[in-house]
């Protein structure tokens, strides 16, 4: 769900699906070697994007930011490739401690220009992130040509055994809430049956994602919302919440 609040209201809500992949099990991505598989996830789509260890990449980020307390499972929540094609607006790396509590979430954001930024959502002392907690981080990465880069995000994560809820809201430079977004769904075992059900329920979802991005952009233009030229991206590729 996305909903722009001003200067013109524009909202949408679509059905999609993600895969939740524990890296201790799927650490040697791709999960399938067949490039023609209906659904697949490949290591080179994420992290360093060179096919190297995703677990090592995530651990290096956590250690570099003093988040060694996230010493348990890391779950990659991402859209799969469908017949080899994927566009992931955002993937989430859920970083647990050994007591199965979330200590950090890495939000891996991609734009349509082929660029990536990672927002590290965590407390400075790596305390547990609870379902009611809100973490704030400056927006430093240009994504939409209809939203300025100045401002900040507020992140909230409610991850349970049976369901998942993620909320990311954008506030402009004056502190006004301008965009609200969410990804909410139920969790199901990853097997052939669930994959078949997801694919048949939402066929060609990754192609649909990129088409809908451009469809919504057209609607925004027709509503008279100002186009913002792409600025030079900042050098930081990884930033943290406050």
Protein backbone atom coordinates (compact mmCIF):
# COMPACT_ATOMS: atom_id res chain seq x y z
CA UNK A 1 0.00 0.00 0.00
CA UNK A 2 1.19 3.50 -0.90
CA UNK A 3 -0.71 6.70 -0.20
CA UNK A 4 0.55 10.17 -1.02
CA UNK A 5 -1.14 12.77 1.19
CA UNK A 6 -0.28 16.10 -0.50
CA UNK A 7 -0.09 18.27 -2.58
CA UNK A 8 -2.47 15.85 -4.36
CA UNK A 9 -3.79 12.61 -2.91
CA UNK A 10 -2.81 9.45 -4.79
CA UNK A 11 -3.04 5.95 -3.36
CA UNK A 12 -3.04 2.32 -4.36
CA UNK A 13 -3.11 -1.13 -2.82
CA UNK A 14 -2.05 -4.29 -4.66
CA UNK A 15 -1.70 -7.95 -3.82
CA UNK A 16 1.86 -9.30 -4.01
CA UNK A 17 3.99 -11.99 -2.41
CA UNK A 18 7.49 -12.21 -0.98
CA UNK A 19 9.78 -15.09 -0.09
CA UNK A 20 11.20 -15.23 3.45
CA UNK A 21 14.54 -17.04 3.18
CA UNK A 22 16.60 -17.88 6.30
CA UNK A 23 20.22 -17.48 5.18
CA UNK A 24 21.34 -20.41 7.32
CA UNK A 25 19.26 -22.59 4.97
CA UNK A 26 19.46 -20.62 1.73
CA UNK A 27 22.92 -19.15 2.27
CA UNK A 28 24.15 -20.63 -0.99
CA UNK A 29 21.67 -18.83 -3.25
CA UNK A 30 20.43 -19.26 -5.93
CA UNK A 31 17.76 -21.53 -4.45
CA UNK A 32 17.45 -23.04 -7.91
CA UNK A 33 20.09 -23.52 -10.59
CA UNK A 34 17.57 -23.63 -13.43
CA UNK A 35 17.42 -20.17 -15.04
CA UNK A 36 14.06 -21.08 -16.57
CA UNK A 37 12.45 -21.87 -13.21
CA UNK A 38 9.16 -20.11 -12.61
CA UNK A 39 10.33 -18.66 -9.26
CA UNK A 40 13.94 -18.18 -8.22
CA UNK A 41 16.17 -16.01 -6.05
CA UNK A 42 19.80 -15.29 -6.95
CA UNK A 43 22.62 -14.02 -4.78
CA UNK A 44 23.72 -11.48 -7.38
CA UNK A 45 20.38 -9.68 -7.01
CA UNK A 46 21.22 -8.65 -3.44
CA UNK A 47 23.90 -7.29 -1.14
CA UNK A 48 27.21 -6.85 -2.99
CA UNK A 49 25.46 -8.09 -6.18
CA UNK A 50 28.48 -10.09 -7.23
CA UNK A 51 27.26 -13.55 -6.27
CA UNK A 52 29.35 -13.67 -3.09
CA UNK A 53 28.08 -14.72 0.35
CA UNK A 54 25.00 -12.79 1.42
CA UNK A 55 25.46 -13.91 5.02
CA UNK A 56 29.00 -12.48 5.09
CA UNK A 57 27.79 -9.20 3.55
CA UNK A 58 25.04 -8.78 6.13
CA UNK A 59 27.33 -9.74 9.05
CA UNK A 60 29.92 -7.19 7.91
CA UNK A 61 27.31 -4.42 7.97
CA UNK A 62 26.04 -5.45 11.40
CA UNK A 63 29.56 -5.60 12.86
CA UNK A 64 30.54 -2.28 11.28
CA UNK A 65 27.62 -0.61 13.07
CA UNK A 66 28.15 -2.23 16.46
CA UNK A 67 25.23 -4.62 16.06
CA UNK A 68 26.99 -7.84 17.06
CA UNK A 69 23.99 -8.59 19.30
CA UNK A 70 22.15 -9.62 16.11
CA UNK A 71 23.99 -12.94 16.27
CA UNK A 72 21.14 -15.25 15.30
CA UNK A 73 19.30 -16.00 12.07
CA UNK A 74 19.12 -13.53 9.21
CA UNK A 75 15.98 -13.79 7.05
CA UNK A 76 15.89 -12.20 3.61
CA UNK A 77 12.38 -11.03 2.76
CA UNK A 78 12.29 -10.39 -0.98
CA UNK A 79 10.34 -10.74 -4.21
CA UNK A 80 11.61 -13.66 -6.33
CA UNK A 81 12.47 -13.68 -9.98
CA UNK A 82 9.55 -14.82 -12.13
CA UNK A 83 10.73 -16.61 -15.28
CA UNK A 84 14.10 -14.94 -14.65
CA UNK A 85 12.85 -11.34 -14.31
CA UNK A 86 12.79 -9.29 -11.13
CA UNK A 87 12.50 -5.72 -9.90
CA UNK A 88 12.61 -5.36 -6.13
CA UNK A 89 11.68 -1.86 -4.91
CA UNK A 90 12.75 -2.93 -1.40
CA UNK A 91 13.98 -6.12 0.27
CA UNK A 92 14.22 -6.55 4.03
CA UNK A 93 16.95 -8.39 5.93
CA UNK A 94 15.51 -9.37 9.32
CA UNK A 95 18.42 -9.81 11.74
CA UNK A 96 17.63 -11.82 14.88
CA UNK A 97 19.57 -12.61 18.04
CA UNK A 98 19.90 -16.12 19.42
CA UNK A 99 16.69 -15.64 21.42
CA UNK A 100 14.78 -15.03 18.18
CA UNK A 101 14.30 -11.30 18.81
CA UNK A 102 14.91 -8.77 16.05
CA UNK A 103 17.88 -6.49 16.70
CA UNK A 104 18.19 -4.91 13.25
CA UNK A 105 16.50 -4.71 9.87
CA UNK A 106 18.45 -3.86 6.72
CA UNK A 107 16.18 -2.17 4.17
CA UNK A 108 17.74 -2.68 0.75
CA UNK A 109 16.12 -0.07 -1.52
CA UNK A 110 16.39 -0.12 -5.33
CA UNK A 111 15.29 2.61 -7.71
CA UNK A 112 14.43 2.37 -11.41
CA UNK A 113 17.84 3.85 -12.30
CA UNK A 114 19.62 0.67 -11.20
CA UNK A 115 20.94 2.17 -7.95
CA UNK A 116 20.76 0.71 -4.43
CA UNK A 117 20.90 2.05 -0.88
CA UNK A 118 20.72 0.26 2.46
CA UNK A 119 19.03 1.80 5.51
CA UNK A 120 20.19 0.07 8.71
CA UNK A 121 17.25 0.17 11.12
CA UNK A 122 18.46 -0.46 14.66
CA UNK A 123 19.00 1.16 18.03
CA UNK A 124 22.54 2.46 18.71
CA UNK A 125 22.83 -0.01 21.61
CA UNK A 126 21.30 -2.82 19.50
CA UNK A 127 18.37 -3.32 21.87
CA UNK A 128 15.44 -5.44 20.70
CA UNK A 129 13.13 -3.83 18.13
CA UNK A 130 9.56 -4.25 19.36
CA UNK A 131 6.42 -4.24 17.22
CA UNK A 132 5.36 -0.82 18.56
CA UNK A 133 8.75 0.86 18.08
CA UNK A 134 9.33 3.53 15.43
CA UNK A 135 12.82 4.18 14.09
CA UNK A 136 13.66 7.40 12.25
CA UNK A 137 16.27 7.88 9.54
CA UNK A 138 17.16 10.69 7.15
CA UNK A 139 16.21 10.13 3.52
CA UNK A 140 19.50 10.25 1.61
CA UNK A 141 18.65 8.18 -1.49
CA UNK A 142 16.65 9.48 -4.46
CA UNK A 143 13.94 6.99 -5.46
CA UNK A 144 10.85 8.65 -6.90
CA UNK A 145 11.06 11.60 -9.33
CA UNK A 146 7.96 12.96 -7.58
CA UNK A 147 9.35 13.08 -4.03
CA UNK A 148 12.15 15.32 -2.87
CA UNK A 149 15.15 13.78 -1.17
CA UNK A 150 15.09 16.15 1.81
CA UNK A 151 13.19 14.73 4.79
CA UNK A 152 13.14 11.56 6.82
CA UNK A 153 11.55 8.11 7.05
CA UNK A 154 9.89 6.45 10.00
CA UNK A 155 10.10 2.64 10.05
CA UNK A 156 8.04 0.14 12.04
CA UNK A 157 8.30 -3.66 11.98
CA UNK A 158 5.85 -6.19 13.41
CA UNK A 159 7.24 -9.64 12.55
CA UNK A 160 5.51 -12.68 14.00
CA UNK A 161 5.54 -16.43 13.36
CA UNK A 162 2.30 -16.27 11.41
CA UNK A 163 2.27 -12.77 9.93
CA UNK A 164 4.42 -9.82 8.93
CA UNK A 165 3.77 -6.08 8.91
CA UNK A 166 6.20 -3.38 7.77
CA UNK A 167 5.37 0.34 7.65
CA UNK A 168 7.58 3.06 6.12
CA UNK A 169 6.34 6.65 6.15
CA UNK A 170 8.04 9.67 4.59
CA UNK A 171 8.08 13.15 6.14
CA UNK A 172 9.25 16.20 4.18
CA UNK A 173 11.87 18.71 5.30
CA UNK A 174 9.22 20.58 7.34
CA UNK A 175 8.25 17.41 9.21
CA UNK A 176 4.93 16.97 7.41
CA UNK A 177 3.85 13.40 6.72
CA UNK A 178 3.74 13.15 2.93
CA UNK A 179 3.69 9.44 2.08
CA UNK A 180 2.54 6.35 3.97
CA UNK A 181 3.41 2.83 2.83
CA UNK A 182 3.02 -0.69 4.15
CA UNK A 183 3.70 -4.32 3.31
CA UNK A 184 1.42 -6.66 5.27
CA UNK A 185 0.89 -10.38 4.83
CA UNK A 186 0.53 -13.83 6.31
CA UNK A 187 3.38 -16.31 6.45
CA UNK A 188 3.10 -19.78 4.92
CA UNK A 189 5.59 -22.66 4.58
CA UNK A 190 7.84 -22.39 1.51
CA UNK A 191 7.09 -25.46 -0.59
CA UNK A 192 5.96 -26.34 -4.10
CA UNK A 193 2.30 -25.97 -3.21
CA UNK A 194 2.66 -22.50 -1.69
CA UNK A 195 4.84 -21.31 -4.57
CA UNK A 196 2.30 -22.59 -7.09
CA UNK A 197 -0.53 -20.88 -5.21
CA UNK A 198 1.37 -17.59 -5.08
CA UNK A 199 2.28 -17.67 -8.75
CA UNK A 200 -1.24 -18.54 -9.91
CA UNK A 201 -2.80 -15.99 -7.57
CA UNK A 202 -0.47 -13.18 -8.70
CA UNK A 203 1.06 -14.17 -12.06
CA UNK A 204 4.06 -12.23 -13.42
CA UNK A 205 4.17 -10.18 -10.22
CA UNK A 206 7.63 -8.69 -10.82
CA UNK A 207 6.70 -7.50 -14.29
CA UNK A 208 3.48 -6.16 -12.81
CA UNK A 209 5.50 -4.23 -10.20
CA UNK A 210 7.53 -2.27 -12.74
CA UNK A 211 4.49 -1.65 -14.96
CA UNK A 212 2.46 -0.37 -12.01
CA UNK A 213 5.29 1.97 -10.97
CA UNK A 214 5.09 3.64 -14.36
CA UNK A 215 1.28 3.61 -14.35
CA UNK A 216 1.21 5.40 -10.99
CA UNK A 217 3.82 7.86 -12.28
CA UNK A 218 1.52 8.71 -15.19
CA UNK A 219 -1.39 9.26 -12.80
CA UNK A 220 0.75 11.57 -10.68
CA UNK A 221 1.80 13.58 -13.74
CA UNK A 222 -1.83 13.92 -14.82
CA UNK A 223 -2.68 15.23 -11.36
CA UNK A 224 -0.15 18.01 -11.86
CA UNK A 225 2.44 16.92 -9.28
CA UNK A 226 5.84 18.42 -10.04
CA UNK A 227 8.54 16.24 -11.60
CA UNK A 228 11.86 16.38 -9.70
CA UNK A 229 15.01 15.78 -11.82
CA UNK A 230 17.31 13.09 -10.47
CA UNK A 231 20.08 14.67 -8.34
CA UNK A 232 23.57 13.25 -8.04
CA UNK A 233 23.29 10.49 -5.46
CA UNK A 234 25.17 10.93 -2.21
CA UNK A 235 28.28 8.83 -1.72
CA UNK A 236 26.94 6.97 1.30
CA UNK A 237 25.55 3.60 0.26
CA UNK A 238 24.65 2.54 3.81
CA UNK A 239 23.09 4.80 6.47
CA UNK A 240 21.54 4.20 9.86
CA UNK A 241 18.44 5.28 11.75
CA UNK A 242 18.74 7.67 14.68
